[in-house]
Structure formats: C-alpha cells, structure tokens
All heavy atoms as atom14 arrays in JSON, in Angstrom:
{
  "sequence": "ITRQVDVWLNDAIRANTSDVAARKSSQDYAK",
  "atom14_mask": [
    [1, 1, 1, 1, 1, 1, 1, 1, 0, 0, 0, 0, 0, 0],
    [1, 1, 1, 1, 1, 1, 1, 0, 0, 0, 0, 0, 0, 0],
    [1, 1, 1, 1, 1, 1, 1, 1, 1, 1, 1, 0, 0, 0],
    [1, 1, 1, 1, 1, 1, 1, 1, 1, 0, 0, 0, 0, 0],
    [1, 1, 1, 1, 1, 1, 1, 0, 0, 0, 0, 0, 0, 0],
    [1, 1, 1, 1, 1, 1, 1, 1, 0, 0, 0, 0, 0, 0],
    [1, 1, 1, 1, 1, 1, 1, 0, 0, 0, 0, 0, 0, 0],
    [1, 1, 1, 1, 1, 1, 1, 1, 1, 1, 1, 1, 1, 1],
    [1, 1, 1, 1, 1, 1, 1, 1, 0, 0, 0, 0, 0, 0],
    [1, 1, 1, 1, 1, 1, 1, 1, 0, 0, 0, 0, 0, 0],
    [1, 1, 1, 1, 1, 1, 1, 1, 0, 0, 0, 0, 0, 0],
    [1, 1, 1, 1, 1, 0, 0, 0, 0, 0, 0, 0, 0, 0],
    [1, 1, 1, 1, 1, 1, 1, 1, 0, 0, 0, 0, 0, 0],
    [1, 1, 1, 1, 1, 1, 1, 1, 1, 1, 1, 0, 0, 0],
    [1, 1, 1, 1, 1, 0, 0, 0, 0, 0, 0, 0, 0, 0],
    [1, 1, 1, 1, 1, 1, 1, 1, 0, 0, 0, 0, 0, 0],
    [1, 1, 1, 1, 1, 1, 1, 0, 0, 0, 0, 0, 0, 0],
    [1, 1, 1, 1, 1, 1, 0, 0, 0, 0, 0, 0, 0, 0],
    [1, 1, 1, 1, 1, 1, 1, 1, 0, 0, 0, 0, 0, 0],
    [1, 1, 1, 1, 1, 1, 1, 0, 0, 0, 0, 0, 0, 0],
    [1, 1, 1, 1, 1, 0, 0, 0, 0, 0, 0, 0, 0, 0],
    [1, 1, 1, 1, 1, 0, 0, 0, 0, 0, 0, 0, 0, 0],
    [1, 1, 1, 1, 1, 1, 1, 1, 1, 1, 1, 0, 0, 0],
    [1, 1, 1, 1, 1, 1, 1, 1, 1, 0, 0, 0, 0, 0],
    [1, 1, 1, 1, 1, 1, 0, 0, 0, 0, 0, 0, 0, 0],
    [1, 1, 1, 1, 1, 1, 0, 0, 0, 0, 0, 0, 0, 0],
    [1, 1, 1, 1, 1, 1, 1, 1, 1, 0, 0, 0, 0, 0],
    [1, 1, 1, 1, 1, 1, 1, 1, 0, 0, 0, 0, 0, 0],
    [1, 1, 1, 1, 1, 1, 1, 1, 1, 1, 1, 1, 0, 0],
    [1, 1, 1, 1, 1, 0, 0, 0, 0, 0, 0, 0, 0, 0],
    [1, 1, 1, 1, 1, 1, 1, 1, 1, 0, 0, 0, 0, 0]
  ],
  "atom14_positions": [
    [[18.27, -4.58, -21.54], [17.47, -3.4, -21.21], [16.97, -3.62, -19.79], [16.25, -4.57, -19.52], [16.29, -3.23, -22.18], [16.83, -3.0, -23.6], [15.39, -2.08, -21.74], [15.75, -2.96, -24.65], [0.0, 0.0, 0.0], [0.0, 0.0, 0.0], [0.0, 0.0, 0.0], [0.0, 0.0, 0.0], [0.0, 0.0, 0.0], [0.0, 0.0, 0.0]],
    [[17.39, -2.75, -18.89], [17.14, -2.96, -17.47], [16.19, -1.91, -16.91], [16.32, -0.72, -17.21], [18.47, -2.87, -16.68], [19.41, -3.77, -17.27], [18.25, -3.26, -15.22], [0.0, 0.0, 0.0], [0.0, 0.0, 0.0], [0.0, 0.0, 0.0], [0.0, 0.0, 0.0], [0.0, 0.0, 0.0], [0.0, 0.0, 0.0], [0.0, 0.0, 0.0]],
    [[15.22, -2.38, -16.13], [14.3, -1.47, -15.44], [14.99, -0.93, -14.19], [15.59, -1.68, -13.42], [13.02, -2.19, -15.04], [12.22, -2.71, -16.2], [11.1, -3.62, -15.74], [9.98, -2.9, -15.15], [9.52, -3.09, -13.93], [10.11, -3.94, -13.12], [8.45, -2.43, -13.49], [0.0, 0.0, 0.0], [0.0, 0.0, 0.0], [0.0, 0.0, 0.0]],
    [[14.83, 0.36, -13.96], [15.39, 0.98, -12.78], [14.3, 1.01, -11.7], [13.43, 1.88, -11.71], [15.89, 2.39, -13.1], [16.89, 2.43, -14.23], [18.11, 1.59, -13.93], [18.74, 1.7, -12.87], [18.47, 0.71, -14.86], [0.0, 0.0, 0.0], [0.0, 0.0, 0.0], [0.0, 0.0, 0.0], [0.0, 0.0, 0.0], [0.0, 0.0, 0.0]],
    [[14.35, 0.04, -10.82], [13.28, -0.14, -9.83], [13.87, -0.13, -8.42], [14.89, -0.78, -8.16], [12.53, -1.47, -10.06], [11.47, -1.67, -9.0], [11.91, -1.49, -11.44], [0.0, 0.0, 0.0], [0.0, 0.0, 0.0], [0.0, 0.0, 0.0], [0.0, 0.0, 0.0], [0.0, 0.0, 0.0], [0.0, 0.0, 0.0], [0.0, 0.0, 0.0]],
    [[13.21, 0.62, -7.53], [13.55, 0.59, -6.11], [12.63, -0.44, -5.45], [11.48, -0.16, -5.14], [13.35, 1.97, -5.49], [13.89, 2.06, -4.06], [13.85, 1.04, -3.36], [14.34, 3.15, -3.66], [0.0, 0.0, 0.0], [0.0, 0.0, 0.0], [0.0, 0.0, 0.0], [0.0, 0.0, 0.0], [0.0, 0.0, 0.0], [0.0, 0.0, 0.0]],
    [[13.14, -1.65, -5.29], [12.32, -2.75, -4.78], [11.8, -2.45, -3.38], [10.63, -2.68, -3.07], [13.13, -4.06, -4.78], [12.31, -5.2, -4.16], [13.55, -4.43, -6.2], [0.0, 0.0, 0.0], [0.0, 0.0, 0.0], [0.0, 0.0, 0.0], [0.0, 0.0, 0.0], [0.0, 0.0, 0.0], [0.0, 0.0, 0.0], [0.0, 0.0, 0.0]],
    [[12.66, -1.91, -2.53], [12.24, -1.61, -1.14], [11.12, -0.58, -1.13], [10.14, -0.74, -0.4], [13.43, -1.08, -0.34], [13.07, -0.79, 1.08], [13.1, -1.63, 2.14], [12.58, 0.48, 1.59], [12.66, -1.0, 3.28], [12.34, 0.29, 2.98], [12.32, 1.72, 1.03], [11.86, 1.32, 3.79], [11.84, 2.74, 1.83], [11.62, 2.53, 3.2]],
    [[11.27, 0.46, -1.97], [10.24, 1.51, -2.0], [8.92, 0.96, -2.52], [7.85, 1.26, -1.98], [10.71, 2.67, -2.89], [9.74, 3.84, -3.05], [9.42, 4.47, -1.7], [10.3, 4.89, -4.01], [0.0, 0.0, 0.0], [0.0, 0.0, 0.0], [0.0, 0.0, 0.0], [0.0, 0.0, 0.0], [0.0, 0.0, 0.0], [0.0, 0.0, 0.0]],
    [[8.98, 0.14, -3.58], [7.76, -0.45, -4.12], [7.06, -1.34, -3.09], [5.83, -1.3, -2.95], [8.07, -1.27, -5.37], [8.28, -0.4, -6.6], [8.04, 0.8, -6.56], [8.73, -1.0, -7.68], [0.0, 0.0, 0.0], [0.0, 0.0, 0.0], [0.0, 0.0, 0.0], [0.0, 0.0, 0.0], [0.0, 0.0, 0.0], [0.0, 0.0, 0.0]],
    [[7.85, -2.14, -2.38], [7.27, -3.01, -1.35], [6.6, -2.17, -0.25], [5.52, -2.5, 0.25], [8.34, -3.91, -0.74], [8.79, -5.0, -1.71], [8.09, -5.23, -2.71], [9.85, -5.63, -1.45], [0.0, 0.0, 0.0], [0.0, 0.0, 0.0], [0.0, 0.0, 0.0], [0.0, 0.0, 0.0], [0.0, 0.0, 0.0], [0.0, 0.0, 0.0]],
    [[7.28, -1.08, 0.14], [6.73, -0.21, 1.19], [5.43, 0.45, 0.74], [4.47, 0.54, 1.5], [7.76, 0.85, 1.58], [0.0, 0.0, 0.0], [0.0, 0.0, 0.0], [0.0, 0.0, 0.0], [0.0, 0.0, 0.0], [0.0, 0.0, 0.0], [0.0, 0.0, 0.0], [0.0, 0.0, 0.0], [0.0, 0.0, 0.0], [0.0, 0.0, 0.0]],
    [[5.39, 0.88, -0.52], [4.19, 1.52, -1.06], [3.03, 0.54, -1.1], [1.9, 0.87, -0.72], [4.45, 2.09, -2.46], [5.4, 3.3, -2.37], [3.15, 2.5, -3.15], [5.85, 3.83, -3.71], [0.0, 0.0, 0.0], [0.0, 0.0, 0.0], [0.0, 0.0, 0.0], [0.0, 0.0, 0.0], [0.0, 0.0, 0.0], [0.0, 0.0, 0.0]],
    [[3.29, -0.69, -1.53], [2.23, -1.69, -1.61], [1.7, -2.04, -0.22], [0.49, -2.17, -0.02], [2.75, -2.94, -2.32], [2.98, -2.76, -3.8], [3.79, -3.89, -4.39], [4.11, -3.64, -5.79], [5.08, -4.26, -6.45], [5.8, -5.18, -5.84], [5.3, -3.99, -7.72], [0.0, 0.0, 0.0], [0.0, 0.0, 0.0], [0.0, 0.0, 0.0]],
    [[2.62, -2.22, 0.72], [2.2, -2.55, 2.08], [1.37, -1.41, 2.66], [0.34, -1.63, 3.32], [3.41, -2.82, 2.96], [0.0, 0.0, 0.0], [0.0, 0.0, 0.0], [0.0, 0.0, 0.0], [0.0, 0.0, 0.0], [0.0, 0.0, 0.0], [0.0, 0.0, 0.0], [0.0, 0.0, 0.0], [0.0, 0.0, 0.0], [0.0, 0.0, 0.0]],
    [[1.8, -0.17, 2.41], [1.06, 0.99, 2.92], [-0.3, 1.11, 2.25], [-1.3, 1.44, 2.91], [1.87, 2.26, 2.69], [1.22, 3.49, 3.28], [1.1, 3.63, 4.49], [0.76, 4.39, 2.43], [0.0, 0.0, 0.0], [0.0, 0.0, 0.0], [0.0, 0.0, 0.0], [0.0, 0.0, 0.0], [0.0, 0.0, 0.0], [0.0, 0.0, 0.0]],
    [[-0.34, 0.83, 0.95], [-1.62, 0.87, 0.21], [-2.61, -0.13, 0.79], [-3.79, 0.18, 0.99], [-1.4, 0.58, -1.27], [-0.53, 1.59, -1.84], [-2.71, 0.58, -2.04], [0.0, 0.0, 0.0], [0.0, 0.0, 0.0], [0.0, 0.0, 0.0], [0.0, 0.0, 0.0], [0.0, 0.0, 0.0], [0.0, 0.0, 0.0], [0.0, 0.0, 0.0]],
    [[-2.13, -1.35, 1.06], [-2.99, -2.38, 1.64], [-3.49, -1.95, 3.01], [-4.67, -2.12, 3.34], [-2.23, -3.71, 1.75], [-1.86, -4.2, 0.48], [0.0, 0.0, 0.0], [0.0, 0.0, 0.0], [0.0, 0.0, 0.0], [0.0, 0.0, 0.0], [0.0, 0.0, 0.0], [0.0, 0.0, 0.0], [0.0, 0.0, 0.0], [0.0, 0.0, 0.0]],
    [[-2.59, -1.38, 3.81], [-2.96, -0.96, 5.16], [-3.99, 0.17, 5.13], [-4.98, 0.14, 5.88], [-1.71, -0.5, 5.91], [-2.01, -0.14, 7.36], [-2.46, -1.02, 8.1], [-1.78, 1.03, 7.74], [0.0, 0.0, 0.0], [0.0, 0.0, 0.0], [0.0, 0.0, 0.0], [0.0, 0.0, 0.0], [0.0, 0.0, 0.0], [0.0, 0.0, 0.0]],
    [[-3.78, 1.15, 4.24], [-4.71, 2.27, 4.13], [-6.09, 1.8, 3.67], [-7.12, 2.22, 4.2], [-4.16, 3.35, 3.17], [-5.22, 4.38, 2.84], [-2.94, 4.02, 3.77], [0.0, 0.0, 0.0], [0.0, 0.0, 0.0], [0.0, 0.0, 0.0], [0.0, 0.0, 0.0], [0.0, 0.0, 0.0], [0.0, 0.0, 0.0], [0.0, 0.0, 0.0]],
    [[-6.11, 0.89, 2.69], [-7.39, 0.39, 2.18], [-8.14, -0.37, 3.26], [-9.36, -0.21, 3.41], [-7.14, -0.52, 0.97], [0.0, 0.0, 0.0], [0.0, 0.0, 0.0], [0.0, 0.0, 0.0], [0.0, 0.0, 0.0], [0.0, 0.0, 0.0], [0.0, 0.0, 0.0], [0.0, 0.0, 0.0], [0.0, 0.0, 0.0], [0.0, 0.0, 0.0]],
    [[-7.41, -1.19, 4.04], [-8.06, -1.95, 5.1], [-8.6, -1.03, 6.19], [-9.72, -1.21, 6.69], [-7.08, -2.95, 5.7], [0.0, 0.0, 0.0], [0.0, 0.0, 0.0], [0.0, 0.0, 0.0], [0.0, 0.0, 0.0], [0.0, 0.0, 0.0], [0.0, 0.0, 0.0], [0.0, 0.0, 0.0], [0.0, 0.0, 0.0], [0.0, 0.0, 0.0]],
    [[-7.8, -0.02, 6.56], [-8.24, 0.92, 7.6], [-9.45, 1.74, 7.14], [-10.37, 1.99, 7.93], [-7.08, 1.85, 7.98], [-5.97, 1.18, 8.76], [-4.83, 2.14, 9.03], [-3.74, 1.49, 9.74], [-3.66, 1.39, 11.05], [-4.62, 1.92, 11.82], [-2.64, 0.8, 11.62], [0.0, 0.0, 0.0], [0.0, 0.0, 0.0], [0.0, 0.0, 0.0]],
    [[-9.45, 2.14, 5.88], [-10.58, 2.92, 5.36], [-11.85, 2.08, 5.37], [-12.93, 2.57, 5.73], [-10.28, 3.41, 3.95], [-11.39, 4.3, 3.37], [-11.06, 4.76, 1.97], [-12.13, 5.71, 1.45], [-13.48, 5.12, 1.46], [0.0, 0.0, 0.0], [0.0, 0.0, 0.0], [0.0, 0.0, 0.0], [0.0, 0.0, 0.0], [0.0, 0.0, 0.0]],
    [[-11.73, 0.82, 4.95], [-12.9, -0.05, 4.95], [-13.45, -0.23, 6.36], [-14.66, -0.12, 6.59], [-12.53, -1.41, 4.35], [-13.64, -2.28, 4.36], [0.0, 0.0, 0.0], [0.0, 0.0, 0.0], [0.0, 0.0, 0.0], [0.0, 0.0, 0.0], [0.0, 0.0, 0.0], [0.0, 0.0, 0.0], [0.0, 0.0, 0.0], [0.0, 0.0, 0.0]],
    [[-12.56, -0.48, 7.33], [-13.0, -0.64, 8.71], [-13.63, 0.63, 9.25], [-14.64, 0.6, 9.96], [-11.8, -1.05, 9.59], [-11.27, -2.3, 9.18], [0.0, 0.0, 0.0], [0.0, 0.0, 0.0], [0.0, 0.0, 0.0], [0.0, 0.0, 0.0], [0.0, 0.0, 0.0], [0.0, 0.0, 0.0], [0.0, 0.0, 0.0], [0.0, 0.0, 0.0]],
    [[-13.03, 1.76, 8.92], [-13.54, 3.05, 9.39], [-14.93, 3.34, 8.81], [-15.82, 3.82, 9.53], [-12.58, 4.17, 9.01], [-12.95, 5.53, 9.57], [-11.94, 6.61, 9.18], [-11.4, 6.6, 8.09], [-11.69, 7.53, 10.09], [0.0, 0.0, 0.0], [0.0, 0.0, 0.0], [0.0, 0.0, 0.0], [0.0, 0.0, 0.0], [0.0, 0.0, 0.0]],
    [[-15.11, 3.02, 7.53], [-16.41, 3.26, 6.89], [-17.5, 2.43, 7.55], [-18.61, 2.93, 7.81], [-16.33, 2.93, 5.4], [-15.51, 3.94, 4.61], [-15.27, 5.04, 5.15], [-15.11, 3.63, 3.47], [0.0, 0.0, 0.0], [0.0, 0.0, 0.0], [0.0, 0.0, 0.0], [0.0, 0.0, 0.0], [0.0, 0.0, 0.0], [0.0, 0.0, 0.0]],
    [[-17.21, 1.16, 7.83], [-18.22, 0.31, 8.47], [-18.47, 0.74, 9.92], [-19.61, 0.67, 10.4], [-17.8, -1.16, 8.41], [-18.02, -1.78, 7.05], [-16.96, -2.23, 6.29], [-19.3, -1.87, 6.51], [-17.16, -2.78, 5.03], [-19.51, -2.41, 5.26], [-18.44, -2.87, 4.52], [-18.66, -3.39, 3.28], [0.0, 0.0, 0.0], [0.0, 0.0, 0.0]],
    [[-17.42, 1.18, 10.6], [-17.59, 1.66, 11.97], [-18.49, 2.89, 12.0], [-19.36, 3.03, 12.88], [-16.23, 1.99, 12.58], [0.0, 0.0, 0.0], [0.0, 0.0, 0.0], [0.0, 0.0, 0.0], [0.0, 0.0, 0.0], [0.0, 0.0, 0.0], [0.0, 0.0, 0.0], [0.0, 0.0, 0.0], [0.0, 0.0, 0.0], [0.0, 0.0, 0.0]],
    [[-18.31, 3.78, 11.02], [-19.16, 4.97, 10.94], [-20.61, 4.59, 10.65], [-21.54, 5.19, 11.2], [-18.64, 5.91, 9.86], [-17.36, 6.65, 10.23], [-16.93, 7.58, 9.12], [-15.68, 8.37, 9.5], [-15.24, 9.27, 8.4], [0.0, 0.0, 0.0], [0.0, 0.0, 0.0], [0.0, 0.0, 0.0], [0.0, 0.0, 0.0], [0.0, 0.0, 0.0]]
  ]
}
C-alpha cells in the first residue's frame, strides 16, 4: 500500500511555512 506523495512539493511547502512564520514574527515585533 503506497502513499502518493510529492516530496518536492511537501519540502517546498514546509520551507515556505517556516519562512512565513519567521517573517510574521519579526514583523510583529518590529511593529
């Protein structure tokens, strides 16, 4: 039974999620 996973897409989403969270935190403190 095999999972159908796009590894590249998942990695890109996680990296983008981390980047967005870090930028939001920095922006909130800057404000």
